[in-house]
PDB file of N, CA and C in Angstrom:
ATOM      1  N   MET A   1     -40.427 -47.497   3.654  1.00  0.00           N
ATOM      2  CA  MET A   1     -39.015 -47.416   3.875  1.00  0.00           C
ATOM      3  C   MET A   1     -39.052 -46.312   4.838  1.00  0.00           C
ATOM      4  N   GLY A   2     -38.297 -46.065   5.689  1.00  0.00           N
ATOM      5  CA  GLY A   2     -38.071 -44.775   6.784  1.00  0.00           C
ATOM      6  C   GLY A   2     -36.948 -44.047   6.506  1.00  0.00           C
ATOM      7  N   LYS A   3     -36.941 -42.812   6.669  1.00  0.00           N
ATOM      8  CA  LYS A   3     -35.684 -41.850   6.275  1.00  0.00           C
ATOM      9  C   LYS A   3     -34.832 -42.177   7.959  1.00  0.00           C
ATOM     10  N   ARG A   4     -33.564 -41.911   7.203  1.00  0.00           N
ATOM     11  CA  ARG A   4     -32.577 -41.807   8.280  1.00  0.00           C
ATOM     12  C   ARG A   4     -32.952 -40.629   9.085  1.00  0.00           C
ATOM     13  N   LYS A   5     -32.370 -40.751  10.370  1.00  0.00           N
ATOM     14  CA  LYS A   5     -32.268 -39.635  11.191  1.00  0.00           C
ATOM     15  C   LYS A   5     -31.063 -38.471  11.158  1.00  0.00           C
ATOM     16  N   ALA A   6     -31.384 -37.771  10.939  1.00  0.00           N
ATOM     17  CA  ALA A   6     -30.268 -36.835  11.000  1.00  0.00           C
ATOM     18  C   ALA A   6     -29.532 -36.371  12.178  1.00  0.00           C
ATOM     19  N   LYS A   7     -28.383 -36.197  11.987  1.00  0.00           N
ATOM     20  CA  LYS A   7     -27.414 -36.003  13.200  1.00  0.00           C
ATOM     21  C   LYS A   7     -27.361 -34.691  13.599  1.00  0.00           C
ATOM     22  N   ALA A   8     -27.981 -34.338  15.307  1.00  0.00           N
ATOM     23  CA  ALA A   8     -28.090 -33.179  15.831  1.00  0.00           C
ATOM     24  C   ALA A   8     -26.596 -32.511  15.721  1.00  0.00           C
ATOM     25  N   LYS A   9     -26.520 -31.264  15.397  1.00  0.00           N
ATOM     26  CA  LYS A   9     -25.327 -30.577  15.451  1.00  0.00           C
ATOM     27  C   LYS A   9     -25.228 -30.054  16.991  1.00  0.00           C
ATOM     28  N   PRO A  10     -23.933 -29.788  17.408  1.00  0.00           N
ATOM     29  CA  PRO A  10     -24.294 -29.312  18.856  1.00  0.00           C
ATOM     30  C   PRO A  10     -24.265 -27.925  18.571  1.00  0.00           C
ATOM     31  N   PRO A  11     -24.859 -27.615  19.999  1.00  0.00           N
ATOM     32  CA  PRO A  11     -24.937 -26.275  20.114  1.00  0.00           C
ATOM     33  C   PRO A  11     -23.979 -25.424  20.028  1.00  0.00           C
ATOM     34  N   PRO A  12     -24.002 -24.020  19.216  1.00  0.00           N
ATOM     35  CA  PRO A  12     -22.796 -23.374  19.340  1.00  0.00           C
ATOM     36  C   PRO A  12     -22.558 -22.811  20.661  1.00  0.00           C
ATOM     37  N   LYS A  13     -21.033 -22.440  21.224  1.00  0.00           N
ATOM     38  CA  LYS A  13     -20.214 -22.393  22.259  1.00  0.00           C
ATOM     39  C   LYS A  13     -20.999 -20.797  22.405  1.00  0.00           C
ATOM     40  N   LYS A  14     -21.062 -20.239  23.637  1.00  0.00           N
ATOM     41  CA  LYS A  14     -21.120 -19.021  23.827  1.00  0.00           C
ATOM     42  C   LYS A  14     -20.179 -18.155  23.739  1.00  0.00           C
ATOM     43  N   ARG A  15     -20.280 -17.087  23.220  1.00  0.00           N
ATOM     44  CA  ARG A  15     -18.810 -16.228  23.537  1.00  0.00           C
ATOM     45  C   ARG A  15     -18.898 -15.388  24.563  1.00  0.00           C
ATOM     46  N   MET A  16     -17.685 -15.298  25.537  1.00  0.00           N
ATOM     47  CA  MET A  16     -18.023 -14.515  26.922  1.00  0.00           C
ATOM     48  C   MET A  16     -17.415 -12.959  26.277  1.00  0.00           C
ATOM     49  N   ASP A  17     -18.245 -11.967  26.659  1.00  0.00           N
ATOM     50  CA  ASP A  17     -18.036 -10.529  26.385  1.00  0.00           C
ATOM     51  C   ASP A  17     -16.737 -10.242  27.665  1.00  0.00           C
ATOM     52  N   LYS A  18     -15.917  -9.595  26.894  1.00  0.00           N
ATOM     53  CA  LYS A  18     -15.021  -9.127  28.080  1.00  0.00           C
ATOM     54  C   LYS A  18     -15.473  -7.956  29.093  1.00  0.00           C
ATOM     55  N   LEU A  19     -15.442  -7.767  30.241  1.00  0.00           N
ATOM     56  CA  LEU A  19     -16.077  -6.910  31.220  1.00  0.00           C
ATOM     57  C   LEU A  19     -15.130  -5.590  31.349  1.00  0.00           C
ATOM     58  N   ASP A  20     -15.859  -4.804  31.754  1.00  0.00           N
ATOM     59  CA  ASP A  20     -15.607  -3.490  31.973  1.00  0.00           C
ATOM     60  C   ASP A  20     -14.367  -3.533  33.012  1.00  0.00           C
ATOM     61  N   THR A  21     -13.261  -2.633  33.057  1.00  0.00           N
ATOM     62  CA  THR A  21     -12.448  -2.864  34.062  1.00  0.00           C
ATOM     63  C   THR A  21     -12.229  -1.206  34.774  1.00  0.00           C
ATOM     64  N   VAL A  22     -12.682  -0.251  33.931  1.00  0.00           N
ATOM     65  CA  VAL A  22     -12.945   0.974  34.409  1.00  0.00           C
ATOM     66  C   VAL A  22     -14.324   1.675  34.600  1.00  0.00           C
ATOM     67  N   PHE A  23     -14.538   2.155  35.969  1.00  0.00           N
ATOM     68  CA  PHE A  23     -15.838   2.610  36.118  1.00  0.00           C
ATOM     69  C   PHE A  23     -16.233   3.965  36.458  1.00  0.00           C
ATOM     70  N   SER A  24     -17.390   4.271  36.921  1.00  0.00           N
ATOM     71  CA  SER A  24     -17.317   5.956  37.621  1.00  0.00           C
ATOM     72  C   SER A  24     -17.107   5.490  39.135  1.00  0.00           C
ATOM     73  N   CYS A  25     -16.790   6.621  39.731  1.00  0.00           N
ATOM     74  CA  CYS A  25     -16.632   6.458  40.801  1.00  0.00           C
ATOM     75  C   CYS A  25     -17.883   6.762  41.768  1.00  0.00           C
ATOM     76  N   PRO A  26     -18.207   5.909  42.826  1.00  0.00           N
ATOM     77  CA  PRO A  26     -19.403   6.312  43.460  1.00  0.00           C
ATOM     78  C   PRO A  26     -19.248   7.225  44.436  1.00  0.00           C
ATOM     79  N   PHE A  27     -18.099   7.975  44.704  1.00  0.00           N
ATOM     80  CA  PHE A  27     -18.129   9.137  45.800  1.00  0.00           C
ATOM     81  C   PHE A  27     -18.457  10.280  45.124  1.00  0.00           C
ATOM     82  N   CYS A  28     -17.442  10.563  44.166  1.00  0.00           N
ATOM     83  CA  CYS A  28     -17.237  11.822  43.543  1.00  0.00           C
ATOM     84  C   CYS A  28     -17.747  11.853  42.049  1.00  0.00           C
ATOM     85  N   ASN A  29     -18.461  10.715  41.796  1.00  0.00           N
ATOM     86  CA  ASN A  29     -19.641  10.463  40.417  1.00  0.00           C
ATOM     87  C   ASN A  29     -18.625  10.987  39.032  1.00  0.00           C
ATOM     88  N   HIS A  30     -17.319  10.905  39.322  1.00  0.00           N
ATOM     89  CA  HIS A  30     -16.361  11.237  38.009  1.00  0.00           C
ATOM     90  C   HIS A  30     -16.673   9.790  36.871  1.00  0.00           C
ATOM     91  N   GLY A  31     -16.730  10.421  35.686  1.00  0.00           N
ATOM     92  CA  GLY A  31     -16.884   9.140  34.905  1.00  0.00           C
ATOM     93  C   GLY A  31     -15.391   8.533  34.781  1.00  0.00           C
ATOM     94  N   SER A  32     -15.668   7.192  34.450  1.00  0.00           N
ATOM     95  CA  SER A  32     -14.142   6.575  34.039  1.00  0.00           C
ATOM     96  C   SER A  32     -13.016   6.535  34.899  1.00  0.00           C
ATOM     97  N   SER A  33     -13.404   6.763  36.444  1.00  0.00           N
ATOM     98  CA  SER A  33     -12.120   7.068  37.099  1.00  0.00           C
ATOM     99  C   SER A  33     -11.553   5.788  37.727  1.00  0.00           C
ATOM    100  N   VAL A  34     -12.489   4.953  38.294  1.00  0.00           N
ATOM    101  CA  VAL A  34     -12.226   4.232  39.272  1.00  0.00           C
ATOM    102  C   VAL A  34     -11.584   2.681  38.353  1.00  0.00           C
ATOM    103  N   GLU A  35     -10.529   2.206  38.658  1.00  0.00           N
ATOM    104  CA  GLU A  35      -9.650   1.418  38.172  1.00  0.00           C
ATOM    105  C   GLU A  35      -9.424   0.035  38.838  1.00  0.00           C
ATOM    106  N   CYS A  36      -9.709  -1.124  38.371  1.00  0.00           N
ATOM    107  CA  CYS A  36     -10.255  -2.211  39.009  1.00  0.00           C
ATOM    108  C   CYS A  36      -8.711  -3.554  38.729  1.00  0.00           C
ATOM    109  N   ARG A  37      -8.181  -3.700  39.882  1.00  0.00           N
ATOM    110  CA  ARG A  37      -7.044  -4.933  39.635  1.00  0.00           C
ATOM    111  C   ARG A  37      -7.367  -5.829  40.567  1.00  0.00           C
ATOM    112  N   LEU A  38      -6.688  -7.177  39.922  1.00  0.00           N
ATOM    113  CA  LEU A  38      -6.629  -8.567  40.761  1.00  0.00           C
ATOM    114  C   LEU A  38      -5.244  -8.976  40.642  1.00  0.00           C
ATOM    115  N   ASP A  39      -4.986  -9.116  42.213  1.00  0.00           N
ATOM    116  CA  ASP A  39      -3.732  -9.770  42.058  1.00  0.00           C
ATOM    117  C   ASP A  39      -3.687 -11.529  42.437  1.00  0.00           C
ATOM    118  N   MET A  40      -3.624 -12.027  41.682  1.00  0.00           N
ATOM    119  CA  MET A  40      -3.983 -13.701  41.821  1.00  0.00           C
ATOM    120  C   MET A  40      -2.880 -14.204  42.652  1.00  0.00           C
ATOM    121  N   LYS A  41      -1.800 -13.522  42.429  1.00  0.00           N
ATOM    122  CA  LYS A  41      -0.565 -13.720  43.316  1.00  0.00           C
ATOM    123  C   LYS A  41      -0.880 -14.031  44.808  1.00  0.00           C
ATOM    124  N   ASN A  42      -1.270 -12.883  45.086  1.00  0.00           N
ATOM    125  CA  ASN A  42      -1.511 -12.292  46.705  1.00  0.00           C
ATOM    126  C   ASN A  42      -2.946 -12.452  46.988  1.00  0.00           C
ATOM    127  N   LEU A  43      -3.792 -12.826  46.137  1.00  0.00           N
ATOM    128  CA  LEU A  43      -5.333 -13.267  46.056  1.00  0.00           C
ATOM    129  C   LEU A  43      -5.915 -11.505  46.898  1.00  0.00           C
ATOM    130  N   ILE A  44      -5.631 -10.668  46.070  1.00  0.00           N
ATOM    131  CA  ILE A  44      -6.362  -9.381  46.432  1.00  0.00           C
ATOM    132  C   ILE A  44      -6.814  -8.537  45.491  1.00  0.00           C
ATOM    133  N   GLY A  45      -8.021  -8.105  45.622  1.00  0.00           N
ATOM    134  CA  GLY A  45      -8.380  -7.502  44.523  1.00  0.00           C
ATOM    135  C   GLY A  45      -8.862  -6.088  44.925  1.00  0.00           C
ATOM    136  N   GLU A  46      -8.307  -4.903  44.084  1.00  0.00           N
ATOM    137  CA  GLU A  46      -8.389  -3.642  44.723  1.00  0.00           C
ATOM    138  C   GLU A  46      -9.276  -2.564  43.100  1.00  0.00           C
ATOM    139  N   ALA A  47      -9.866  -1.821  44.245  1.00  0.00           N
ATOM    140  CA  ALA A  47     -10.504  -1.109  43.169  1.00  0.00           C
ATOM    141  C   ALA A  47     -10.183   0.977  43.733  1.00  0.00           C
ATOM    142  N   ILE A  48      -9.381   1.607  42.718  1.00  0.00           N
ATOM    143  CA  ILE A  48      -9.039   2.931  43.251  1.00  0.00           C
ATOM    144  C   ILE A  48      -9.637   3.755  42.315  1.00  0.00           C
ATOM    145  N   CYS A  49     -10.127   5.098  42.877  1.00  0.00           N
ATOM    146  CA  CYS A  49     -10.606   6.051  42.008  1.00  0.00           C
ATOM    147  C   CYS A  49      -9.335   7.236  41.905  1.00  0.00           C
ATOM    148  N   GLY A  50      -9.094   7.531  40.649  1.00  0.00           N
ATOM    149  CA  GLY A  50      -7.827   8.497  40.473  1.00  0.00           C
ATOM    150  C   GLY A  50      -8.106   9.773  40.281  1.00  0.00           C
ATOM    151  N   ILE A  51      -9.313  10.134  41.200  1.00  0.00           N
ATOM    152  CA  ILE A  51      -9.624  11.689  40.957  1.00  0.00           C
ATOM    153  C   ILE A  51      -9.781  11.945  42.626  1.00  0.00           C
ATOM    154  N   CYS A  52     -10.546  11.205  43.348  1.00  0.00           N
ATOM    155  CA  CYS A  52     -10.934  11.403  44.975  1.00  0.00           C
ATOM    156  C   CYS A  52      -9.787  10.630  45.783  1.00  0.00           C
ATOM    157  N   GLN A  53      -9.078   9.451  45.129  1.00  0.00           N
ATOM    158  CA  GLN A  53      -8.072   8.628  45.462  1.00  0.00           C
ATOM    159  C   GLN A  53      -8.771   7.648  46.765  1.00  0.00           C
ATOM    160  N   GLU A  54     -10.026   7.497  46.616  1.00  0.00           N
ATOM    161  CA  GLU A  54     -11.024   6.513  47.699  1.00  0.00           C
ATOM    162  C   GLU A  54     -10.549   5.050  46.684  1.00  0.00           C
ATOM    163  N   SER A  55     -10.147   4.199  47.950  1.00  0.00           N
ATOM    164  CA  SER A  55      -9.777   3.087  47.434  1.00  0.00           C
ATOM    165  C   SER A  55     -10.324   1.432  48.227  1.00  0.00           C
ATOM    166  N   PHE A  56     -10.907   0.541  47.437  1.00  0.00           N
ATOM    167  CA  PHE A  56     -11.398  -0.749  48.279  1.00  0.00           C
ATOM    168  C   PHE A  56     -10.644  -1.915  47.780  1.00  0.00           C
ATOM    169  N   SER A  57     -10.334  -2.536  48.814  1.00  0.00           N
ATOM    170  CA  SER A  57      -9.637  -3.714  48.589  1.00  0.00           C
ATOM    171  C   SER A  57     -10.270  -5.082  49.322  1.00  0.00           C
ATOM    172  N   THR A  58      -9.949  -6.098  48.743  1.00  0.00           N
ATOM    173  CA  THR A  58     -10.736  -7.383  49.471  1.00  0.00           C
ATOM    174  C   THR A  58      -9.674  -8.394  49.184  1.00  0.00           C
ATOM    175  N   THR A  59     -10.194  -9.432  49.744  1.00  0.00           N
ATOM    176  CA  THR A  59      -9.340 -11.075  49.289  1.00  0.00           C
ATOM    177  C   THR A  59     -10.369 -11.758  48.109  1.00  0.00           C
ATOM    178  N   ILE A  60      -9.862 -12.218  47.225  1.00  0.00           N
ATOM    179  CA  ILE A  60     -10.556 -12.858  45.888  1.00  0.00           C
ATOM    180  C   ILE A  60      -9.973 -14.260  46.154  1.00  0.00           C
ATOM    181  N   THR A  61     -10.872 -15.012  45.368  1.00  0.00           N
ATOM    182  CA  THR A  61     -10.950 -16.611  45.297  1.00  0.00           C
ATOM    183  C   THR A  61     -10.170 -16.931  43.814  1.00  0.00           C
ATOM    184  N   GLY A  62      -9.988 -17.927  43.543  1.00  0.00           N
ATOM    185  CA  GLY A  62      -9.529 -18.318  42.252  1.00  0.00           C
ATOM    186  C   GLY A  62     -10.709 -18.650  41.279  1.00  0.00           C
ATOM    187  N   LEU A  63     -12.187 -18.041  41.710  1.00  0.00           N
ATOM    188  CA  LEU A  63     -12.902 -18.127  40.910  1.00  0.00           C
ATOM    189  C   LEU A  63     -13.513 -16.806  40.589  1.00  0.00           C
ATOM    190  N   PHE A  64     -12.576 -15.672  41.118  1.00  0.00           N
ATOM    191  CA  PHE A  64     -12.608 -14.285  40.221  1.00  0.00           C
ATOM    192  C   PHE A  64     -12.236 -14.415  38.618  1.00  0.00           C
ATOM    193  N   GLN A  65     -12.439 -13.551  38.065  1.00  0.00           N
ATOM    194  CA  GLN A  65     -12.108 -13.544  36.888  1.00  0.00           C
ATOM    195  C   GLN A  65     -11.549 -11.829  36.633  1.00  0.00           C
ATOM    196  N   TRP A  66     -11.099 -11.689  35.614  1.00  0.00           N
ATOM    197  CA  TRP A  66     -10.597 -10.071  35.270  1.00  0.00           C
ATOM    198  C   TRP A  66     -12.103  -9.193  34.927  1.00  0.00           C
ATOM    199  N   ASP A  67     -12.631  -9.210  36.093  1.00  0.00           N
ATOM    200  CA  ASP A  67     -14.000  -8.016  36.142  1.00  0.00           C
ATOM    201  C   ASP A  67     -14.089  -7.504  37.185  1.00  0.00           C
ATOM    202  N   VAL A  68     -15.330  -6.784  37.443  1.00  0.00           N
ATOM    203  CA  VAL A  68     -15.443  -5.743  38.609  1.00  0.00           C
ATOM    204  C   VAL A  68     -15.804  -6.642  39.663  1.00  0.00           C
ATOM    205  N   PHE A  69     -15.697  -6.025  41.067  1.00  0.00           N
ATOM    206  CA  PHE A  69     -16.284  -6.490  42.120  1.00  0.00           C
ATOM    207  C   PHE A  69     -17.839  -6.508  42.117  1.00  0.00           C
ATOM    208  N   GLY A  70     -18.274  -7.220  42.968  1.00  0.00           N
ATOM    209  CA  GLY A  70     -19.839  -6.886  42.842  1.00  0.00           C
ATOM    210  C   GLY A  70     -20.267  -5.839  43.341  1.00  0.00           C
ATOM    211  N   ILE A  71     -19.625  -5.001  44.072  1.00  0.00           N
ATOM    212  CA  ILE A  71     -20.128  -3.658  44.560  1.00  0.00           C
ATOM    213  C   ILE A  71     -20.119  -2.417  43.631  1.00  0.00           C
ATOM    214  N   LEU A  72     -19.585  -2.375  42.558  1.00  0.00           N
ATOM    215  CA  LEU A  72     -19.268  -1.311  41.451  1.00  0.00           C
ATOM    216  C   LEU A  72     -20.679  -1.414  40.436  1.00  0.00           C
TER     217      LEU A  72
END
């Protein structure tokens, strides 16, 4: 007589770690001075340095999450 097959358990769901929203500035190299914001209503993403006031803004899509842009 054969054994019954054990039911396979579904794999555990991967937990998404939250990504940083504050970074060091590539222009003035000041640590944790660049803040990233995503405006989902106007579809604009913005990164601003609080020390040297350098900024970068770009259009975003619905695929963006609350994370950094690919440039920083």
